[in-house]
Amino acid sequence: MEKVNWPRVVFWWLGIIFFVSGIACFFFDMVSRSPHPRAVSPSMSDFATVFFGASSLALIVISLVLAVAAILGWSSIKSDLEKESKASEDAQENVRKAIAENQESVNTSIGSLDSRFFKIQEQTNSIGKEVKNETDSLSDEIKERTKRLEEEIRKQVDLLGKEIKEKADDIIKEVKGRSNLVSGHALAASVLSRYPIIASELRNTGPINNDLERNLIQEAIYVSEQGYRELKEVKSKGQYAALNNIVYYSCVLRLDEKREELLSRGREIKEIGENNRHLQWSVPYFITFCWVILIYGVDTGEVAEALKIGEEILKREEITSFQKYEATDLVASLKEKLKELIGAVPN
């Protein structure tokens, strides 16, 4: 729609106002002139009539002007409407063309998307097949590794079971060996508690003459031997106590037929004591060595060594009263034996 031409509108209205004002002035001029002396002067009603007529004429003119303006405006509006209608039709046509073009573009895009979708689907299927193949291959590899792992675990379990069984067997043997050690000690103690062991007497003969009690000591030696073998087999330190008891009981029983064996075992016991000299429980091993040398030793140097060991035992503060008594008795007897051996040696 065209814009309103305001200068034209103002011009028209100014023209109308000028026209109406001119008419009013004309009539006023006519009325204001000096009348003819003989003329009758107009009355107020005449003036009103004149002005009313002028107003009517002005209204008529204004109405005509408005009618003309309306006609002209309607023509302009109609022209504008026709232009707007044509513009609207053109716009609708452009919209229809745009929609058609967009539809064609959309169809083309959809076709392109369909093509790309099919390509993506083919690629997806191809990737799926590759993944399946890789998965199957990986599954076979996992199965193979799992199988190897199961075999390795089975071997480790078997090996561990074997080690546990061996350790359990060792524990059983050690328990059995220590049980025999305690049993042998209990048998021997039940007899030896009734006999005081005096070194000077034991050099010549054993204090136990009763057959039943000798048999009990023999049984104690036998049980201790079993415990010694079992403890030695599992490399338990309890074997040293069992060996010590065997040698001591044999000395008390005066098994002279085993002299060399007892001397050999006595030397082994001395080494055990030497290796554990800093410990208090090494004293019984040294005392047993002294007993063996006192009863069966014939070498002057070995007797002197036993005497020295006995004297060192007496110097130790941690020994018990019975160990002190026993060591004192052994030192006295070893001194006598050493004198005998030295006196028997020819000059």
Protein backbone atom coordinates (compact mmCIF):
# COMPACT_ATOMS: atom_id res chain seq x y z
CA MET A 1 0.00 0.00 0.00
CA GLU A 2 1.25 3.50 -1.01
CA LYS A 3 2.13 6.12 1.64
CA VAL A 4 -0.35 9.04 2.32
CA ASN A 5 0.78 12.26 0.56
CA TRP A 6 0.46 14.58 3.54
CA PRO A 7 1.52 17.80 1.69
CA ARG A 8 -1.32 17.28 -0.78
CA VAL A 9 -3.81 16.68 2.04
CA VAL A 10 -2.68 19.83 3.87
CA PHE A 11 -2.88 21.82 0.64
CA TRP A 12 -6.46 20.68 0.05
CA TRP A 13 -7.54 21.54 3.57
CA LEU A 14 -5.83 24.96 3.41
CA GLY A 15 -7.66 25.61 0.11
CA ILE A 16 -10.96 24.68 1.67
CA ILE A 17 -10.34 26.92 4.68
CA PHE A 18 -9.26 29.80 2.39
CA PHE A 19 -12.35 29.35 0.26
CA VAL A 20 -14.69 29.34 3.27
CA SER A 21 -12.90 32.32 4.79
CA GLY A 22 -13.13 34.23 1.49
CA ILE A 23 -16.85 33.66 1.25
CA ALA A 24 -17.34 34.79 4.84
CA CYS A 25 -15.26 37.91 4.22
CA PHE A 26 -17.19 38.67 1.05
CA PHE A 27 -20.49 38.47 2.81
CA PHE A 28 -19.17 40.44 5.76
CA ASP A 29 -17.90 43.16 3.44
CA MET A 30 -21.20 43.38 1.75
CA VAL A 31 -23.02 43.68 5.01
CA SER A 32 -20.56 46.20 6.45
CA ARG A 33 -20.90 48.78 3.64
CA SER A 34 -23.00 51.95 4.36
CA PRO A 35 -26.44 51.35 3.10
CA HIS A 36 -28.21 53.69 0.77
CA PRO A 37 -29.94 56.32 2.78
CA ARG A 38 -33.14 55.14 1.48
CA ALA A 39 -32.26 51.48 1.85
CA VAL A 40 -33.46 49.45 4.76
CA SER A 41 -30.66 48.26 7.02
CA PRO A 42 -30.38 44.47 7.41
CA SER A 43 -31.47 43.07 10.74
CA MET A 44 -29.63 40.49 12.86
CA SER A 45 -31.77 37.73 11.45
CA ASP A 46 -30.63 38.75 7.99
CA PHE A 47 -27.03 38.47 9.09
CA ALA A 48 -27.72 35.03 10.55
CA THR A 49 -29.35 33.97 7.36
CA VAL A 50 -26.37 35.15 5.36
CA PHE A 51 -23.92 33.32 7.59
CA PHE A 52 -26.04 30.20 7.62
CA GLY A 53 -26.20 30.24 3.89
CA ALA A 54 -22.43 30.74 3.70
CA SER A 55 -21.93 27.89 6.13
CA SER A 56 -24.24 25.68 4.14
CA LEU A 57 -22.43 26.53 0.99
CA ALA A 58 -19.10 25.85 2.70
CA LEU A 59 -20.40 22.50 3.97
CA ILE A 60 -21.60 21.64 0.53
CA VAL A 61 -18.23 22.54 -0.91
CA ILE A 62 -16.43 20.58 1.84
CA SER A 63 -18.74 17.61 1.20
CA LEU A 64 -17.97 17.80 -2.49
CA VAL A 65 -14.26 18.05 -1.72
CA LEU A 66 -14.49 15.05 0.66
CA ALA A 67 -16.48 13.12 -1.92
CA VAL A 68 -13.86 13.89 -4.54
CA ALA A 69 -11.13 12.96 -2.05
CA ALA A 70 -12.99 9.77 -1.17
CA ILE A 71 -13.34 8.89 -4.81
CA LEU A 72 -9.72 9.62 -5.45
CA GLY A 73 -8.72 7.79 -2.23
CA TRP A 74 -10.81 4.78 -3.11
CA SER A 75 -9.21 4.67 -6.53
CA SER A 76 -5.83 4.85 -4.84
CA ILE A 77 -6.83 2.20 -2.27
CA LYS A 78 -8.23 -0.01 -5.02
CA SER A 79 -5.04 0.38 -6.98
CA ASP A 80 -3.03 -0.43 -3.88
CA LEU A 81 -5.22 -3.44 -3.16
CA GLU A 82 -4.74 -4.66 -6.71
CA LYS A 83 -1.01 -4.20 -6.35
CA GLU A 84 -1.02 -5.98 -2.97
CA SER A 85 -3.13 -8.79 -4.40
CA LYS A 86 -0.77 -9.16 -7.32
CA ALA A 87 2.21 -9.05 -4.98
CA SER A 88 0.52 -11.66 -2.80
CA GLU A 89 -0.14 -13.85 -5.84
CA ASP A 90 3.46 -13.40 -6.92
CA ALA A 91 4.61 -14.24 -3.39
CA GLN A 92 2.40 -17.35 -3.35
CA GLU A 93 3.81 -18.36 -6.71
CA ASN A 94 7.33 -17.86 -5.40
CA VAL A 95 6.44 -19.84 -2.31
CA ARG A 96 5.03 -22.66 -4.46
CA LYS A 97 8.21 -22.62 -6.55
CA ALA A 98 10.36 -22.58 -3.42
CA ILE A 99 8.34 -25.44 -1.94
CA ALA A 100 8.71 -27.38 -5.16
CA GLU A 101 12.43 -26.70 -5.24
CA ASN A 102 12.73 -27.61 -1.57
CA GLN A 103 10.73 -30.77 -2.14
CA GLU A 104 13.02 -31.68 -5.01
CA SER A 105 16.04 -30.85 -2.87
CA VAL A 106 14.61 -32.90 0.00
CA ASN A 107 13.92 -35.80 -2.32
CA THR A 108 17.46 -35.52 -3.64
CA SER A 109 18.82 -35.35 -0.08
CA ILE A 110 16.67 -38.30 0.97
CA GLY A 111 17.94 -40.25 -2.00
CA SER A 112 21.49 -39.30 -1.07
CA LEU A 113 20.82 -40.23 2.55
CA ASP A 114 19.31 -43.54 1.48
CA SER A 115 22.39 -44.22 -0.60
CA ARG A 116 24.67 -43.27 2.28
CA PHE A 117 22.53 -45.32 4.66
CA PHE A 118 22.86 -48.37 2.44
CA LYS A 119 26.62 -47.80 2.22
CA ILE A 120 26.82 -47.41 6.02
CA GLN A 121 24.71 -50.53 6.43
CA GLU A 122 27.02 -52.45 4.11
CA GLN A 123 30.06 -51.13 6.00
CA THR A 124 28.37 -52.03 9.30
CA ASN A 125 27.68 -55.55 8.06
CA SER A 126 31.26 -55.82 6.86
CA ILE A 127 32.58 -54.55 10.20
CA GLY A 128 30.20 -56.92 12.00
CA LYS A 129 31.58 -59.85 10.03
CA GLU A 130 35.15 -58.75 10.75
CA VAL A 131 34.32 -58.32 14.43
CA LYS A 132 32.69 -61.73 14.49
CA ASN A 133 35.72 -63.27 12.86
CA GLU A 134 38.02 -61.48 15.28
CA THR A 135 35.77 -62.51 18.18
CA ASP A 136 35.78 -66.12 17.04
CA SER A 137 39.55 -65.98 16.67
CA LEU A 138 39.90 -64.30 20.05
CA SER A 139 37.50 -66.82 21.57
CA ASP A 140 39.61 -69.68 20.23
CA GLU A 141 42.74 -67.99 21.58
CA ILE A 142 41.07 -67.43 24.95
CA LYS A 143 39.98 -71.05 25.05
CA GLU A 144 43.51 -72.16 24.25
CA ARG A 145 45.01 -69.87 26.88
CA THR A 146 42.36 -70.94 29.38
CA LYS A 147 43.20 -74.55 28.69
CA ARG A 148 46.93 -73.90 29.16
CA LEU A 149 46.18 -71.92 32.30
CA GLU A 150 44.03 -74.74 33.67
CA GLU A 151 46.80 -77.21 32.99
CA GLU A 152 49.34 -74.90 34.68
CA ILE A 153 47.03 -74.41 37.66
CA ARG A 154 46.45 -78.15 37.85
CA LYS A 155 50.19 -78.72 37.86
CA GLN A 156 50.69 -76.06 40.52
CA VAL A 157 47.87 -77.54 42.60
CA ASP A 158 49.34 -81.03 42.24
CA LEU A 159 52.78 -79.70 43.15
CA LEU A 160 51.35 -77.76 46.08
CA GLY A 161 49.40 -80.81 47.17
CA LYS A 162 52.57 -82.86 46.97
CA GLU A 163 54.48 -80.27 48.99
CA ILE A 164 51.67 -80.10 51.56
CA LYS A 165 51.64 -83.88 51.78
CA GLU A 166 55.41 -83.96 52.21
CA LYS A 167 55.26 -81.26 54.87
CA ALA A 168 52.36 -83.03 56.56
CA ASP A 169 54.34 -86.27 56.49
CA ASP A 170 57.35 -84.43 57.91
CA ILE A 171 55.20 -82.92 60.66
CA ILE A 172 53.76 -86.34 61.44
CA LYS A 173 57.24 -87.86 61.54
CA GLU A 174 58.52 -85.03 63.73
CA VAL A 175 55.59 -85.38 66.11
CA LYS A 176 56.10 -89.12 66.20
CA GLY A 177 59.86 -88.70 66.68
CA ARG A 178 59.39 -86.20 69.52
CA SER A 179 56.78 -88.51 71.05
CA ASN A 180 59.32 -91.35 71.03
CA LEU A 181 61.92 -88.97 72.46
CA VAL A 182 59.62 -88.09 75.36
CA SER A 183 58.57 -91.71 75.86
CA GLY A 184 62.19 -92.89 75.98
CA HIS A 185 63.08 -90.16 78.43
CA ALA A 186 60.08 -91.04 80.63
CA LEU A 187 61.08 -94.75 80.67
CA ALA A 188 64.69 -93.98 81.55
CA ALA A 189 63.75 -91.35 84.14
CA SER A 190 61.46 -93.84 85.91
CA VAL A 191 64.52 -96.02 86.54
CA LEU A 192 67.38 -93.54 86.88
CA SER A 193 65.50 -91.47 89.45
CA ARG A 194 66.10 -94.30 91.91
CA TYR A 195 69.84 -94.59 91.24
CA PRO A 196 72.41 -91.91 91.98
CA ILE A 197 74.89 -91.78 89.09
CA ILE A 198 78.41 -91.40 90.54
CA ALA A 199 81.27 -90.95 88.07
CA SER A 200 83.88 -92.88 90.04
CA GLU A 201 81.60 -95.90 90.29
CA LEU A 202 80.37 -95.75 86.70
CA ARG A 203 83.98 -96.03 85.46
CA ASN A 204 84.13 -99.60 86.72
CA THR A 205 80.58 -100.94 86.53
CA GLY A 206 76.99 -99.89 85.89
CA PRO A 207 74.77 -99.09 88.85
CA ILE A 208 71.76 -100.96 87.49
CA ASN A 209 71.84 -104.73 88.03
CA ASN A 210 68.11 -105.52 88.13
CA ASP A 211 67.09 -107.23 84.90
CA LEU A 212 63.66 -105.57 84.75
CA GLU A 213 65.16 -102.12 85.16
CA ARG A 214 67.92 -102.86 82.66
CA ASN A 215 65.25 -103.95 80.22
CA LEU A 216 63.41 -100.67 80.81
CA ILE A 217 66.59 -98.74 80.04
CA GLN A 218 67.10 -100.89 76.93
CA GLU A 219 63.55 -100.09 75.89
CA ALA A 220 64.20 -96.39 76.49
CA ILE A 221 67.30 -96.60 74.23
CA TYR A 222 65.31 -98.44 71.54
CA VAL A 223 62.43 -95.92 71.59
CA SER A 224 64.92 -93.02 71.56
CA GLU A 225 66.69 -94.60 68.55
CA GLN A 226 63.39 -94.64 66.66
CA GLY A 227 62.75 -91.03 67.57
CA TYR A 228 66.31 -90.10 66.53
CA ARG A 229 65.91 -91.65 63.06
CA GLU A 230 62.52 -90.00 62.49
CA LEU A 231 63.72 -86.58 63.65
CA LYS A 232 66.93 -86.86 61.64
CA GLU A 233 64.93 -87.74 58.53
CA VAL A 234 62.95 -84.49 58.74
CA LYS A 235 66.08 -82.53 59.81
CA SER A 236 64.54 -81.51 63.13
CA LYS A 237 66.76 -80.16 65.89
CA GLY A 238 65.06 -82.61 68.22
CA GLN A 239 67.41 -85.27 66.83
CA TYR A 240 70.25 -83.81 68.94
CA ALA A 241 68.32 -84.37 72.18
CA ALA A 242 67.45 -87.94 71.11
CA LEU A 243 71.09 -88.71 70.27
CA ASN A 244 72.23 -87.22 73.57
CA ASN A 245 69.79 -89.43 75.51
CA ILE A 246 70.84 -92.56 73.61
CA VAL A 247 74.51 -92.02 74.40
CA TYR A 248 73.87 -91.13 78.05
CA TYR A 249 71.56 -94.12 78.67
CA SER A 250 74.07 -96.42 76.97
CA CYS A 251 76.85 -95.11 79.22
CA VAL A 252 74.74 -95.61 82.34
CA LEU A 253 73.86 -99.13 81.21
CA ARG A 254 77.55 -99.78 80.33
CA LEU A 255 77.01 -101.19 76.87
CA ASP A 256 80.73 -101.79 76.40
CA GLU A 257 80.21 -103.73 73.19
CA LYS A 258 79.23 -100.42 71.54
CA ARG A 259 82.35 -98.60 72.75
CA GLU A 260 83.51 -97.26 69.36
CA GLU A 261 80.01 -96.29 68.31
CA LEU A 262 79.48 -94.42 71.57
CA LEU A 263 82.82 -92.61 71.22
CA SER A 264 81.88 -91.56 67.67
CA ARG A 265 78.46 -90.35 68.76
CA GLY A 266 80.02 -88.60 71.78
CA ARG A 267 82.29 -86.60 69.47
CA GLU A 268 79.23 -85.68 67.34
CA ILE A 269 77.45 -84.50 70.48
CA LYS A 270 80.47 -82.36 71.39
CA GLU A 271 80.27 -80.64 67.98
CA ILE A 272 76.59 -79.92 68.57
CA GLY A 273 77.49 -78.26 71.86
CA GLU A 274 80.31 -76.30 70.22
CA ASN A 275 77.95 -74.97 67.54
CA ASN A 276 75.52 -73.80 70.22
CA ARG A 277 77.99 -72.84 72.96
CA HIS A 278 76.26 -69.47 73.52
CA LEU A 279 73.00 -71.24 74.48
CA GLN A 280 72.24 -72.62 77.92
CA TRP A 281 70.92 -75.91 76.58
CA SER A 282 74.36 -76.76 75.15
CA VAL A 283 75.54 -77.80 78.67
CA PRO A 284 73.90 -81.28 78.64
CA TYR A 285 75.73 -82.13 75.38
CA PHE A 286 79.11 -81.24 76.89
CA ILE A 287 78.31 -83.27 80.03
CA THR A 288 77.36 -86.32 77.95
CA PHE A 289 80.64 -86.02 76.00
CA CYS A 290 82.50 -85.98 79.32
CA TRP A 291 80.66 -89.15 80.40
CA VAL A 292 81.60 -90.98 77.19
CA ILE A 293 85.29 -90.00 77.44
CA LEU A 294 85.40 -90.84 81.14
CA ILE A 295 84.06 -94.36 80.55
CA TYR A 296 85.47 -95.30 77.12
CA GLY A 297 88.15 -92.72 76.27
CA VAL A 298 91.80 -93.89 76.09
CA ASP A 299 93.40 -90.97 74.28
CA THR A 300 95.24 -88.63 76.66
CA GLY A 301 94.51 -85.54 74.53
CA GLU A 302 90.79 -86.34 74.31
CA VAL A 303 90.59 -86.92 78.10
CA ALA A 304 92.37 -83.60 78.69
CA GLU A 305 89.86 -81.93 76.34
CA ALA A 306 86.94 -83.41 78.26
CA LEU A 307 88.50 -82.21 81.54
CA LYS A 308 88.84 -78.70 80.13
CA ILE A 309 85.21 -78.71 78.96
CA GLY A 310 84.06 -79.83 82.44
CA GLU A 311 86.02 -77.04 84.10
CA GLU A 312 84.50 -74.49 81.67
CA ILE A 313 81.01 -75.76 82.54
CA LEU A 314 81.66 -75.04 86.22
CA LYS A 315 82.56 -71.45 85.33
CA ARG A 316 79.21 -70.82 83.63
CA GLU A 317 76.66 -69.00 85.75
CA GLU A 318 73.48 -70.25 84.04
CA ILE A 319 73.93 -73.97 84.89
CA THR A 320 71.51 -75.68 87.28
CA SER A 321 72.52 -77.08 90.65
CA PHE A 322 72.29 -80.67 89.36
CA GLN A 323 74.45 -79.81 86.32
CA LYS A 324 76.99 -78.20 88.67
CA TYR A 325 76.98 -81.32 90.88
CA GLU A 326 77.37 -83.60 87.86
CA ALA A 327 80.14 -81.48 86.32
CA THR A 328 82.05 -81.37 89.60
CA ASP A 329 81.91 -85.16 89.89
CA LEU A 330 83.04 -85.58 86.26
CA VAL A 331 85.97 -83.14 86.62
CA ALA A 332 87.28 -85.04 89.66
CA SER A 333 87.05 -88.42 87.91
CA LEU A 334 88.56 -87.09 84.66
CA LYS A 335 91.52 -85.71 86.59
CA GLU A 336 92.14 -89.14 88.13
CA LYS A 337 91.80 -90.83 84.73
CA LEU A 338 94.16 -88.34 83.11
CA LYS A 339 96.77 -89.01 85.84
CA GLU A 340 96.38 -92.73 85.28
CA LEU A 341 96.83 -92.38 81.55
CA ILE A 342 99.87 -90.10 81.91
CA GLY A 343 101.41 -92.46 84.49
CA ALA A 344 100.85 -95.42 82.22
CA VAL A 345 102.72 -93.77 79.38
CA PRO A 346 106.40 -95.04 79.41
CA ASN A 347 109.17 -92.43 79.69
